[in-house]
Amino acid sequence: MAKEKFERNKPHVNVGTIGHVDHGKISVEVTLIAPIAMEEGLRFAIREGGRTVGAGVVAKIIE
């Protein structure tokens, strides 16, 4: 039985991350390279190489 071909159907967003040593709160403004559905209060994670390198909550959407 042949395997089905993998097809990526979720949007992929490349986001630059900022190192932060003392684990305090920071604000980051991000410009997405592809449109995705989001709303204020949405939780998100930034992953790199299979590891979570950042996480947060959408505080404000700027159009």
C-alpha atoms as a PDB file:
ATOM      1  CA  MET A   1       0.000   0.000   0.000  1.00  0.00           C
ATOM      2  CA  ALA A   2       1.554   3.296  -1.108  1.00  0.00           C
ATOM      3  CA  LYS A   3       1.746   6.229   1.287  1.00  0.00           C
ATOM      4  CA  GLU A   4      -0.262   9.313   0.462  1.00  0.00           C
ATOM      5  CA  LYS A   5       1.754  12.286  -0.707  1.00  0.00           C
ATOM      6  CA  PHE A   6       2.181  14.865   2.095  1.00  0.00           C
ATOM      7  CA  GLU A   7       0.532  18.147   1.248  1.00  0.00           C
ATOM      8  CA  ARG A   8       1.020  21.243   3.417  1.00  0.00           C
ATOM      9  CA  ASN A   9      -2.320  23.020   3.572  1.00  0.00           C
ATOM     10  CA  LYS A  10      -1.786  25.304   6.572  1.00  0.00           C
ATOM     11  CA  PRO A  11      -0.243  28.742   6.089  1.00  0.00           C
ATOM     12  CA  HIS A  12       3.423  29.032   7.046  1.00  0.00           C
ATOM     13  CA  VAL A  13       4.597  32.335   8.470  1.00  0.00           C
ATOM     14  CA  ASN A  14       8.244  33.302   8.840  1.00  0.00           C
ATOM     15  CA  VAL A  15       8.634  35.575  11.846  1.00  0.00           C
ATOM     16  CA  GLY A  16      11.873  37.077  13.135  1.00  0.00           C
ATOM     17  CA  THR A  17      12.318  36.488  16.854  1.00  0.00           C
ATOM     18  CA  ILE A  18      13.976  38.664  19.452  1.00  0.00           C
ATOM     19  CA  GLY A  19      16.092  37.076  22.186  1.00  0.00           C
ATOM     20  CA  HIS A  20      15.006  38.025  25.678  1.00  0.00           C
ATOM     21  CA  VAL A  21      17.061  36.736  28.597  1.00  0.00           C
ATOM     22  CA  ASP A  22      15.139  37.729  31.722  1.00  0.00           C
ATOM     23  CA  HIS A  23      11.753  36.350  30.589  1.00  0.00           C
ATOM     24  CA  GLY A  24       9.968  39.670  31.025  1.00  0.00           C
ATOM     25  CA  LYS A  25       7.148  40.971  28.882  1.00  0.00           C
ATOM     26  CA  ILE A  26       8.008  42.478  25.507  1.00  0.00           C
ATOM     27  CA  SER A  27       6.012  43.959  22.660  1.00  0.00           C
ATOM     28  CA  VAL A  28       6.694  42.891  19.086  1.00  0.00           C
ATOM     29  CA  GLU A  29       5.016  44.220  15.959  1.00  0.00           C
ATOM     30  CA  VAL A  30       4.974  41.600  13.196  1.00  0.00           C
ATOM     31  CA  THR A  31       4.120  41.886   9.515  1.00  0.00           C
ATOM     32  CA  LEU A  32       2.819  38.608   8.108  1.00  0.00           C
ATOM     33  CA  ILE A  33       3.986  37.474   4.688  1.00  0.00           C
ATOM     34  CA  ALA A  34       0.751  35.568   4.078  1.00  0.00           C
ATOM     35  CA  PRO A  35      -2.773  36.342   5.289  1.00  0.00           C
ATOM     36  CA  ILE A  36      -4.077  34.177   8.129  1.00  0.00           C
ATOM     37  CA  ALA A  37      -7.243  34.367  10.207  1.00  0.00           C
ATOM     38  CA  MET A  38      -6.712  35.769  13.685  1.00  0.00           C
ATOM     39  CA  GLU A  39      -8.454  37.765  16.360  1.00  0.00           C
ATOM     40  CA  GLU A  40      -7.496  39.576  19.536  1.00  0.00           C
ATOM     41  CA  GLY A  41      -6.881  37.177  22.405  1.00  0.00           C
ATOM     42  CA  LEU A  42      -5.669  34.380  20.106  1.00  0.00           C
ATOM     43  CA  ARG A  43      -2.767  32.439  21.613  1.00  0.00           C
ATOM     44  CA  PHE A  44       0.151  31.607  19.322  1.00  0.00           C
ATOM     45  CA  ALA A  45       3.530  29.890  19.406  1.00  0.00           C
ATOM     46  CA  ILE A  46       6.653  30.589  17.372  1.00  0.00           C
ATOM     47  CA  ARG A  47       8.441  27.373  16.502  1.00  0.00           C
ATOM     48  CA  GLU A  48      11.897  26.895  15.058  1.00  0.00           C
ATOM     49  CA  GLY A  49      13.450  23.535  14.275  1.00  0.00           C
ATOM     50  CA  GLY A  50      10.665  21.655  16.056  1.00  0.00           C
ATOM     51  CA  ARG A  51      11.063  23.646  19.292  1.00  0.00           C
ATOM     52  CA  THR A  52       8.911  26.401  20.699  1.00  0.00           C
ATOM     53  CA  VAL A  53      11.066  29.524  20.923  1.00  0.00           C
ATOM     54  CA  GLY A  54       8.318  31.982  21.771  1.00  0.00           C
ATOM     55  CA  ALA A  55       4.653  32.173  22.670  1.00  0.00           C
ATOM     56  CA  GLY A  56       2.161  34.921  23.263  1.00  0.00           C
ATOM     57  CA  VAL A  57      -1.297  36.369  22.848  1.00  0.00           C
ATOM     58  CA  VAL A  58      -2.506  38.676  20.068  1.00  0.00           C
ATOM     59  CA  ALA A  59      -3.150  41.953  21.894  1.00  0.00           C
ATOM     60  CA  LYS A  60      -4.070  44.234  18.989  1.00  0.00           C
ATOM     61  CA  ILE A  61      -4.612  43.859  15.256  1.00  0.00           C
ATOM     62  CA  ILE A  62      -3.362  46.772  13.157  1.00  0.00           C
ATOM     63  CA  GLU A  63      -4.897  46.993   9.698  1.00  0.00           C
END
